[in-house]
Protein backbone atom coordinates (compact mmCIF):
# COMPACT_ATOMS: atom_id res chain seq x y z
CA UNK A 1 0.00 0.00 0.00
CA UNK A 2 2.81 2.40 0.91
CA UNK A 3 4.48 1.70 -2.46
CA UNK A 4 1.32 2.81 -4.32
CA UNK A 5 0.95 5.92 -2.19
CA UNK A 6 4.50 6.95 -3.15
CA UNK A 7 3.73 6.28 -6.83
CA UNK A 8 0.55 8.39 -6.69
CA UNK A 9 2.44 11.16 -4.86
CA UNK A 10 5.19 11.09 -7.49
CA UNK A 11 2.65 11.25 -10.33
CA UNK A 12 0.87 14.16 -8.65
CA UNK A 13 4.18 16.00 -8.26
CA UNK A 14 5.01 15.49 -11.94
CA UNK A 15 1.55 16.73 -12.97
CA UNK A 16 1.87 19.83 -10.79
CA UNK A 17 5.36 20.52 -12.12
CA UNK A 18 4.20 20.24 -15.71
CA UNK A 19 1.45 22.80 -15.21
CA UNK A 20 3.90 25.22 -13.59
CA UNK A 21 5.77 25.52 -16.87
CA UNK A 22 2.81 26.69 -18.98
CA UNK A 23 0.76 29.82 -18.56
CA UNK A 24 -1.92 31.64 -20.53
CA UNK A 25 -1.75 35.16 -21.86
CA UNK A 26 -4.44 37.61 -20.83
CA UNK A 27 -6.97 38.55 -23.48
CA UNK A 28 -5.29 41.95 -23.92
CA UNK A 29 -1.80 40.38 -24.20
CA UNK A 30 -3.08 37.84 -26.70
CA UNK A 31 -4.70 40.48 -28.90
CA UNK A 32 -1.62 42.74 -28.77
CA UNK A 33 0.61 39.82 -29.75
CA UNK A 34 -1.69 38.86 -32.64
CA UNK A 35 -1.61 42.47 -33.88
CA UNK A 36 2.18 42.57 -33.64
CA UNK A 37 2.50 39.36 -35.69
CA UNK A 38 0.02 40.65 -38.28
CA UNK A 39 1.99 43.89 -38.60
CA UNK A 40 5.26 41.97 -39.08
CA UNK A 41 3.70 39.82 -41.78
CA UNK A 42 2.39 42.92 -43.57
CA UNK A 43 5.84 44.49 -43.30
CA UNK A 44 7.43 41.41 -44.87
CA UNK A 45 5.08 41.56 -47.85
CA UNK A 46 5.61 45.32 -48.26
CA UNK A 47 9.38 44.89 -48.44
CA UNK A 48 10.32 46.95 -45.39
CA UNK A 49 12.96 44.68 -43.85
CA UNK A 50 14.17 46.86 -40.98
CA UNK A 51 11.29 46.11 -38.57
CA UNK A 52 11.81 42.40 -39.28
CA UNK A 53 15.48 42.63 -38.38
CA UNK A 54 14.71 44.59 -35.21
CA UNK A 55 12.07 42.07 -34.09
CA UNK A 56 14.09 38.91 -34.80
CA UNK A 57 15.21 36.98 -31.74
CA UNK A 58 18.99 36.75 -31.27
CA UNK A 59 18.86 32.93 -31.35
CA UNK A 60 17.86 33.06 -35.03
CA UNK A 61 20.95 35.09 -35.84
CA UNK A 62 23.16 32.71 -33.88
CA UNK A 63 21.64 29.61 -35.50
CA UNK A 64 21.90 31.16 -38.97
CA UNK A 65 25.61 31.98 -38.69
CA UNK A 66 25.50 35.50 -37.25
CA UNK A 67 23.92 38.82 -38.11
CA UNK A 68 26.33 39.40 -41.01
CA UNK A 69 24.97 36.22 -42.67
CA UNK A 70 21.30 36.37 -41.68
CA UNK A 71 20.57 40.05 -42.36
CA UNK A 72 21.64 39.95 -46.05
CA UNK A 73 19.74 36.67 -46.51
CA UNK A 74 16.63 38.25 -44.98
CA UNK A 75 16.98 41.30 -47.22
CA UNK A 76 17.32 39.01 -50.24
CA UNK A 77 14.26 36.94 -49.23
CA UNK A 78 12.11 40.04 -48.81
CA UNK A 79 13.24 41.40 -52.18
CA UNK A 80 12.56 38.05 -53.84
CA UNK A 81 9.01 38.05 -52.47
CA UNK A 82 8.50 41.64 -53.60
CA UNK A 83 9.82 41.04 -57.11
CA UNK A 84 8.10 37.67 -57.60
CA UNK A 85 4.69 39.17 -58.23
CA UNK A 86 3.29 37.32 -55.25
CA UNK A 87 -0.08 38.68 -54.18
CA UNK A 88 -1.35 38.04 -50.68
CA UNK A 89 -5.06 37.26 -50.93
CA UNK A 90 -5.73 36.81 -47.23
CA UNK A 91 -3.88 36.64 -43.95
CA UNK A 92 -5.27 35.22 -40.74
CA UNK A 93 -3.40 35.33 -37.45
CA UNK A 94 -4.70 32.84 -34.89
CA UNK A 95 -4.74 32.81 -31.12
CA UNK A 96 -1.36 32.48 -29.40
CA UNK A 97 -0.80 29.19 -27.62
CA UNK A 98 -0.07 28.94 -23.93
CA UNK A 99 3.29 30.31 -22.81
CA UNK A 100 6.08 27.83 -22.00
CA UNK A 101 9.15 28.42 -19.86
CA UNK A 102 12.51 28.14 -21.59
CA UNK A 103 15.14 29.09 -19.03
CA UNK A 104 15.20 32.86 -18.61
CA UNK A 105 12.73 33.26 -21.46
CA UNK A 106 9.21 32.19 -22.22
CA UNK A 107 7.82 31.13 -25.55
CA UNK A 108 4.49 30.80 -27.25
CA UNK A 109 3.44 30.07 -30.80
CA UNK A 110 1.21 32.30 -32.92
CA UNK A 111 -0.39 30.32 -35.76
CA UNK A 112 -1.12 32.02 -39.04
CA UNK A 113 -2.56 31.14 -42.42
CA UNK A 114 -1.67 33.02 -45.57
CA UNK A 115 -3.41 32.54 -48.88
CA UNK A 116 -1.39 33.93 -51.74
CA UNK A 117 -1.11 33.71 -55.49
CA UNK A 118 2.13 33.44 -57.40
CA UNK A 119 2.49 32.82 -61.12
CA UNK A 120 -1.24 32.08 -61.38
CA UNK A 121 -1.11 29.41 -58.65
CA UNK A 122 -2.91 29.84 -55.34
CA UNK A 123 -1.04 28.56 -52.30
CA UNK A 124 -2.13 28.22 -48.67
CA UNK A 125 0.62 28.38 -46.07
CA UNK A 126 -0.16 27.37 -42.51
CA UNK A 127 2.70 28.14 -40.20
CA UNK A 128 3.42 30.02 -36.99
CA UNK A 129 5.65 32.60 -35.43
CA UNK A 130 7.66 31.64 -32.39
CA UNK A 131 7.18 34.54 -29.97
CA UNK A 132 9.84 34.87 -27.27
CA UNK A 133 10.15 37.26 -24.36
CA UNK A 134 12.42 37.57 -21.37
CA UNK A 135 10.68 36.39 -18.22
CA UNK A 136 11.80 39.55 -16.42
CA UNK A 137 10.56 41.91 -19.21
CA UNK A 138 7.15 40.78 -20.36
CA UNK A 139 6.59 43.85 -22.54
CA UNK A 140 8.84 43.02 -25.49
CA UNK A 141 8.41 40.06 -27.83
CA UNK A 142 11.02 38.91 -30.32
CA UNK A 143 10.21 36.47 -33.10
CA UNK A 144 11.41 33.58 -35.21
CA UNK A 145 9.40 32.34 -38.19
CA UNK A 146 8.30 28.73 -37.58
CA UNK A 147 8.27 27.64 -41.23
CA UNK A 148 11.90 26.54 -40.91
CA UNK A 149 10.79 23.81 -38.51
CA UNK A 150 9.12 22.01 -41.44
CA UNK A 151 12.48 20.68 -42.60
CA UNK A 152 14.40 21.05 -39.33
CA UNK A 153 12.09 20.25 -36.39
CA UNK A 154 15.10 19.70 -34.14
CA UNK A 155 15.94 23.39 -34.54
CA UNK A 156 13.47 24.35 -31.80
CA UNK A 157 15.41 22.38 -29.16
CA UNK A 158 18.72 23.67 -30.52
CA UNK A 159 17.52 27.25 -30.19
CA UNK A 160 15.85 26.74 -26.81
CA UNK A 161 17.39 23.71 -25.06
CA UNK A 162 15.50 24.39 -21.81
CA UNK A 163 12.11 24.26 -23.55
CA UNK A 164 9.96 21.21 -22.75
CA UNK A 165 10.37 18.60 -25.49
CA UNK A 166 6.71 17.52 -25.35
CA UNK A 167 5.21 20.72 -26.76
CA UNK A 168 2.75 20.29 -29.63
CA UNK A 169 3.35 22.83 -32.38
CA UNK A 170 0.66 24.45 -34.56
CA UNK A 171 0.27 23.22 -38.16
CA UNK A 172 3.21 23.94 -40.44
CA UNK A 173 2.32 23.05 -44.03
CA UNK A 174 2.03 24.41 -47.56
CA UNK A 175 -0.80 23.38 -49.87
CA UNK A 176 -1.11 24.15 -53.58
CA UNK A 177 -4.76 24.88 -54.43
C-alpha atoms as a PDB file:
ATOM      1  CA  UNK A   1       0.000   0.000   0.000  1.00  0.00           C
ATOM      2  CA  UNK A   2       2.810   2.399   0.908  1.00  0.00           C
ATOM      3  CA  UNK A   3       4.479   1.699  -2.460  1.00  0.00           C
ATOM      4  CA  UNK A   4       1.316   2.812  -4.318  1.00  0.00           C
ATOM      5  CA  UNK A   5       0.945   5.923  -2.190  1.00  0.00           C
ATOM      6  CA  UNK A   6       4.498   6.948  -3.153  1.00  0.00           C
ATOM      7  CA  UNK A   7       3.734   6.281  -6.827  1.00  0.00           C
ATOM      8  CA  UNK A   8       0.551   8.386  -6.690  1.00  0.00           C
ATOM      9  CA  UNK A   9       2.437  11.164  -4.864  1.00  0.00           C
ATOM     10  CA  UNK A  10       5.194  11.090  -7.491  1.00  0.00           C
ATOM     11  CA  UNK A  11       2.648  11.245 -10.335  1.00  0.00           C
ATOM     12  CA  UNK A  12       0.871  14.164  -8.654  1.00  0.00           C
ATOM     13  CA  UNK A  13       4.179  15.999  -8.260  1.00  0.00           C
ATOM     14  CA  UNK A  14       5.010  15.495 -11.942  1.00  0.00           C
ATOM     15  CA  UNK A  15       1.548  16.727 -12.971  1.00  0.00           C
ATOM     16  CA  UNK A  16       1.867  19.834 -10.795  1.00  0.00           C
ATOM     17  CA  UNK A  17       5.363  20.518 -12.118  1.00  0.00           C
ATOM     18  CA  UNK A  18       4.202  20.244 -15.712  1.00  0.00           C
ATOM     19  CA  UNK A  19       1.450  22.800 -15.208  1.00  0.00           C
ATOM     20  CA  UNK A  20       3.898  25.219 -13.586  1.00  0.00           C
ATOM     21  CA  UNK A  21       5.766  25.523 -16.868  1.00  0.00           C
ATOM     22  CA  UNK A  22       2.811  26.688 -18.977  1.00  0.00           C
ATOM     23  CA  UNK A  23       0.756  29.823 -18.555  1.00  0.00           C
ATOM     24  CA  UNK A  24      -1.916  31.640 -20.527  1.00  0.00           C
ATOM     25  CA  UNK A  25      -1.754  35.158 -21.860  1.00  0.00           C
ATOM     26  CA  UNK A  26      -4.444  37.609 -20.831  1.00  0.00           C
ATOM     27  CA  UNK A  27      -6.974  38.552 -23.479  1.00  0.00           C
ATOM     28  CA  UNK A  28      -5.287  41.946 -23.919  1.00  0.00           C
ATOM     29  CA  UNK A  29      -1.805  40.384 -24.197  1.00  0.00           C
ATOM     30  CA  UNK A  30      -3.080  37.844 -26.703  1.00  0.00           C
ATOM     31  CA  UNK A  31      -4.703  40.482 -28.900  1.00  0.00           C
ATOM     32  CA  UNK A  32      -1.622  42.739 -28.765  1.00  0.00           C
ATOM     33  CA  UNK A  33       0.614  39.816 -29.749  1.00  0.00           C
ATOM     34  CA  UNK A  34      -1.695  38.859 -32.636  1.00  0.00           C
ATOM     35  CA  UNK A  35      -1.609  42.469 -33.876  1.00  0.00           C
ATOM     36  CA  UNK A  36       2.177  42.565 -33.639  1.00  0.00           C
ATOM     37  CA  UNK A  37       2.497  39.363 -35.687  1.00  0.00           C
ATOM     38  CA  UNK A  38       0.025  40.647 -38.278  1.00  0.00           C
ATOM     39  CA  UNK A  39       1.994  43.887 -38.598  1.00  0.00           C
ATOM     40  CA  UNK A  40       5.256  41.968 -39.077  1.00  0.00           C
ATOM     41  CA  UNK A  41       3.697  39.821 -41.784  1.00  0.00           C
ATOM     42  CA  UNK A  42       2.386  42.920 -43.569  1.00  0.00           C
ATOM     43  CA  UNK A  43       5.836  44.492 -43.298  1.00  0.00           C
ATOM     44  CA  UNK A  44       7.426  41.409 -44.874  1.00  0.00           C
ATOM     45  CA  UNK A  45       5.078  41.558 -47.852  1.00  0.00           C
ATOM     46  CA  UNK A  46       5.606  45.317 -48.265  1.00  0.00           C
ATOM     47  CA  UNK A  47       9.379  44.895 -48.444  1.00  0.00           C
ATOM     48  CA  UNK A  48      10.321  46.949 -45.387  1.00  0.00           C
ATOM     49  CA  UNK A  49      12.955  44.676 -43.854  1.00  0.00           C
ATOM     50  CA  UNK A  50      14.174  46.863 -40.980  1.00  0.00           C
ATOM     51  CA  UNK A  51      11.286  46.113 -38.569  1.00  0.00           C
ATOM     52  CA  UNK A  52      11.808  42.405 -39.278  1.00  0.00           C
ATOM     53  CA  UNK A  53      15.483  42.626 -38.378  1.00  0.00           C
ATOM     54  CA  UNK A  54      14.706  44.586 -35.210  1.00  0.00           C
ATOM     55  CA  UNK A  55      12.068  42.067 -34.090  1.00  0.00           C
ATOM     56  CA  UNK A  56      14.087  38.911 -34.804  1.00  0.00           C
ATOM     57  CA  UNK A  57      15.215  36.980 -31.738  1.00  0.00           C
ATOM     58  CA  UNK A  58      18.991  36.746 -31.273  1.00  0.00           C
ATOM     59  CA  UNK A  59      18.863  32.926 -31.347  1.00  0.00           C
ATOM     60  CA  UNK A  60      17.862  33.058 -35.033  1.00  0.00           C
ATOM     61  CA  UNK A  61      20.952  35.092 -35.838  1.00  0.00           C
ATOM     62  CA  UNK A  62      23.161  32.707 -33.880  1.00  0.00           C
ATOM     63  CA  UNK A  63      21.644  29.606 -35.499  1.00  0.00           C
ATOM     64  CA  UNK A  64      21.901  31.162 -38.969  1.00  0.00           C
ATOM     65  CA  UNK A  65      25.606  31.981 -38.695  1.00  0.00           C
ATOM     66  CA  UNK A  66      25.498  35.495 -37.249  1.00  0.00           C
ATOM     67  CA  UNK A  67      23.924  38.819 -38.114  1.00  0.00           C
ATOM     68  CA  UNK A  68      26.330  39.401 -41.008  1.00  0.00           C
ATOM     69  CA  UNK A  69      24.975  36.225 -42.674  1.00  0.00           C
ATOM     70  CA  UNK A  70      21.298  36.371 -41.681  1.00  0.00           C
ATOM     71  CA  UNK A  71      20.568  40.049 -42.359  1.00  0.00           C
ATOM     72  CA  UNK A  72      21.642  39.952 -46.049  1.00  0.00           C
ATOM     73  CA  UNK A  73      19.737  36.667 -46.505  1.00  0.00           C
ATOM     74  CA  UNK A  74      16.634  38.249 -44.976  1.00  0.00           C
ATOM     75  CA  UNK A  75      16.981  41.303 -47.224  1.00  0.00           C
ATOM     76  CA  UNK A  76      17.315  39.008 -50.240  1.00  0.00           C
ATOM     77  CA  UNK A  77      14.260  36.940 -49.233  1.00  0.00           C
ATOM     78  CA  UNK A  78      12.114  40.042 -48.811  1.00  0.00           C
ATOM     79  CA  UNK A  79      13.242  41.401 -52.178  1.00  0.00           C
ATOM     80  CA  UNK A  80      12.562  38.045 -53.845  1.00  0.00           C
ATOM     81  CA  UNK A  81       9.013  38.047 -52.475  1.00  0.00           C
ATOM     82  CA  UNK A  82       8.499  41.636 -53.595  1.00  0.00           C
ATOM     83  CA  UNK A  83       9.820  41.044 -57.112  1.00  0.00           C
ATOM     84  CA  UNK A  84       8.096  37.669 -57.604  1.00  0.00           C
ATOM     85  CA  UNK A  85       4.687  39.167 -58.228  1.00  0.00           C
ATOM     86  CA  UNK A  86       3.286  37.324 -55.251  1.00  0.00           C
ATOM     87  CA  UNK A  87      -0.077  38.677 -54.181  1.00  0.00           C
ATOM     88  CA  UNK A  88      -1.352  38.043 -50.684  1.00  0.00           C
ATOM     89  CA  UNK A  89      -5.062  37.264 -50.933  1.00  0.00           C
ATOM     90  CA  UNK A  90      -5.729  36.807 -47.230  1.00  0.00           C
ATOM     91  CA  UNK A  91      -3.884  36.643 -43.954  1.00  0.00           C
ATOM     92  CA  UNK A  92      -5.266  35.217 -40.743  1.00  0.00           C
ATOM     93  CA  UNK A  93      -3.402  35.326 -37.451  1.00  0.00           C
ATOM     94  CA  UNK A  94      -4.697  32.835 -34.889  1.00  0.00           C
ATOM     95  CA  UNK A  95      -4.741  32.806 -31.120  1.00  0.00           C
ATOM     96  CA  UNK A  96      -1.363  32.475 -29.400  1.00  0.00           C
ATOM     97  CA  UNK A  97      -0.798  29.195 -27.618  1.00  0.00           C
ATOM     98  CA  UNK A  98      -0.070  28.938 -23.927  1.00  0.00           C
ATOM     99  CA  UNK A  99       3.286  30.307 -22.815  1.00  0.00           C
ATOM    100  CA  UNK A 100       6.079  27.831 -22.003  1.00  0.00           C
ATOM    101  CA  UNK A 101       9.151  28.415 -19.863  1.00  0.00           C
ATOM    102  CA  UNK A 102      12.512  28.140 -21.591  1.00  0.00           C
ATOM    103  CA  UNK A 103      15.137  29.085 -19.029  1.00  0.00           C
ATOM    104  CA  UNK A 104      15.203  32.858 -18.606  1.00  0.00           C
ATOM    105  CA  UNK A 105      12.732  33.257 -21.462  1.00  0.00           C
ATOM    106  CA  UNK A 106       9.207  32.187 -22.216  1.00  0.00           C
ATOM    107  CA  UNK A 107       7.822  31.132 -25.554  1.00  0.00           C
ATOM    108  CA  UNK A 108       4.489  30.798 -27.254  1.00  0.00           C
ATOM    109  CA  UNK A 109       3.441  30.067 -30.804  1.00  0.00           C
ATOM    110  CA  UNK A 110       1.214  32.296 -32.915  1.00  0.00           C
ATOM    111  CA  UNK A 111      -0.389  30.324 -35.762  1.00  0.00           C
ATOM    112  CA  UNK A 112      -1.124  32.024 -39.040  1.00  0.00           C
ATOM    113  CA  UNK A 113      -2.557  31.141 -42.417  1.00  0.00           C
ATOM    114  CA  UNK A 114      -1.667  33.022 -45.566  1.00  0.00           C
ATOM    115  CA  UNK A 115      -3.413  32.544 -48.883  1.00  0.00           C
ATOM    116  CA  UNK A 116      -1.391  33.931 -51.742  1.00  0.00           C
ATOM    117  CA  UNK A 117      -1.107  33.708 -55.488  1.00  0.00           C
ATOM    118  CA  UNK A 118       2.129  33.439 -57.399  1.00  0.00           C
ATOM    119  CA  UNK A 119       2.491  32.820 -61.119  1.00  0.00           C
ATOM    120  CA  UNK A 120      -1.237  32.085 -61.378  1.00  0.00           C
ATOM    121  CA  UNK A 121      -1.113  29.411 -58.650  1.00  0.00           C
ATOM    122  CA  UNK A 122      -2.913  29.838 -55.340  1.00  0.00           C
ATOM    123  CA  UNK A 123      -1.043  28.563 -52.298  1.00  0.00           C
ATOM    124  CA  UNK A 124      -2.127  28.224 -48.668  1.00  0.00           C
ATOM    125  CA  UNK A 125       0.622  28.380 -46.073  1.00  0.00           C
ATOM    126  CA  UNK A 126      -0.164  27.371 -42.514  1.00  0.00           C
ATOM    127  CA  UNK A 127       2.696  28.141 -40.196  1.00  0.00           C
ATOM    128  CA  UNK A 128       3.419  30.020 -36.991  1.00  0.00           C
ATOM    129  CA  UNK A 129       5.649  32.603 -35.430  1.00  0.00           C
ATOM    130  CA  UNK A 130       7.663  31.641 -32.389  1.00  0.00           C
ATOM    131  CA  UNK A 131       7.176  34.543 -29.966  1.00  0.00           C
ATOM    132  CA  UNK A 132       9.840  34.870 -27.269  1.00  0.00           C
ATOM    133  CA  UNK A 133      10.150  37.256 -24.360  1.00  0.00           C
ATOM    134  CA  UNK A 134      12.416  37.574 -21.369  1.00  0.00           C
ATOM    135  CA  UNK A 135      10.680  36.392 -18.217  1.00  0.00           C
ATOM    136  CA  UNK A 136      11.805  39.555 -16.419  1.00  0.00           C
ATOM    137  CA  UNK A 137      10.563  41.909 -19.205  1.00  0.00           C
ATOM    138  CA  UNK A 138       7.151  40.782 -20.360  1.00  0.00           C
ATOM    139  CA  UNK A 139       6.593  43.848 -22.538  1.00  0.00           C
ATOM    140  CA  UNK A 140       8.844  43.018 -25.493  1.00  0.00           C
ATOM    141  CA  UNK A 141       8.411  40.061 -27.827  1.00  0.00           C
ATOM    142  CA  UNK A 142      11.021  38.907 -30.316  1.00  0.00           C
ATOM    143  CA  UNK A 143      10.211  36.465 -33.102  1.00  0.00           C
ATOM    144  CA  UNK A 144      11.407  33.577 -35.207  1.00  0.00           C
ATOM    145  CA  UNK A 145       9.396  32.338 -38.185  1.00  0.00           C
ATOM    146  CA  UNK A 146       8.299  28.732 -37.577  1.00  0.00           C
ATOM    147  CA  UNK A 147       8.271  27.638 -41.233  1.00  0.00           C
ATOM    148  CA  UNK A 148      11.896  26.536 -40.912  1.00  0.00           C
ATOM    149  CA  UNK A 149      10.786  23.806 -38.513  1.00  0.00           C
ATOM    150  CA  UNK A 150       9.124  22.011 -41.444  1.00  0.00           C
ATOM    151  CA  UNK A 151      12.484  20.681 -42.595  1.00  0.00           C
ATOM    152  CA  UNK A 152      14.398  21.049 -39.326  1.00  0.00           C
ATOM    153  CA  UNK A 153      12.086  20.249 -36.392  1.00  0.00           C
ATOM    154  CA  UNK A 154      15.105  19.701 -34.142  1.00  0.00           C
ATOM    155  CA  UNK A 155      15.944  23.394 -34.539  1.00  0.00           C
ATOM    156  CA  UNK A 156      13.471  24.351 -31.798  1.00  0.00           C
ATOM    157  CA  UNK A 157      15.414  22.380 -29.163  1.00  0.00           C
ATOM    158  CA  UNK A 158      18.721  23.669 -30.524  1.00  0.00           C
ATOM    159  CA  UNK A 159      17.522  27.252 -30.192  1.00  0.00           C
ATOM    160  CA  UNK A 160      15.853  26.736 -26.809  1.00  0.00           C
ATOM    161  CA  UNK A 161      17.393  23.712 -25.059  1.00  0.00           C
ATOM    162  CA  UNK A 162      15.499  24.393 -21.810  1.00  0.00           C
ATOM    163  CA  UNK A 163      12.106  24.259 -23.548  1.00  0.00           C
ATOM    164  CA  UNK A 164       9.965  21.215 -22.753  1.00  0.00           C
ATOM    165  CA  UNK A 165      10.370  18.599 -25.491  1.00  0.00           C
ATOM    166  CA  UNK A 166       6.714  17.520 -25.351  1.00  0.00           C
ATOM    167  CA  UNK A 167       5.209  20.719 -26.757  1.00  0.00           C
ATOM    168  CA  UNK A 168       2.748  20.287 -29.627  1.00  0.00           C
ATOM    169  CA  UNK A 169       3.345  22.832 -32.385  1.00  0.00           C
ATOM    170  CA  UNK A 170       0.660  24.447 -34.560  1.00  0.00           C
ATOM    171  CA  UNK A 171       0.267  23.224 -38.164  1.00  0.00           C
ATOM    172  CA  UNK A 172       3.208  23.936 -40.440  1.00  0.00           C
ATOM    173  CA  UNK A 173       2.316  23.050 -44.032  1.00  0.00           C
ATOM    174  CA  UNK A 174       2.034  24.415 -47.556  1.00  0.00           C
ATOM    175  CA  UNK A 175      -0.799  23.378 -49.869  1.00  0.00           C
ATOM    176  CA  UNK A 176      -1.110  24.147 -53.581  1.00  0.00           C
ATOM    177  CA  UNK A 177      -4.758  24.875 -54.425  1.00  0.00           C
END
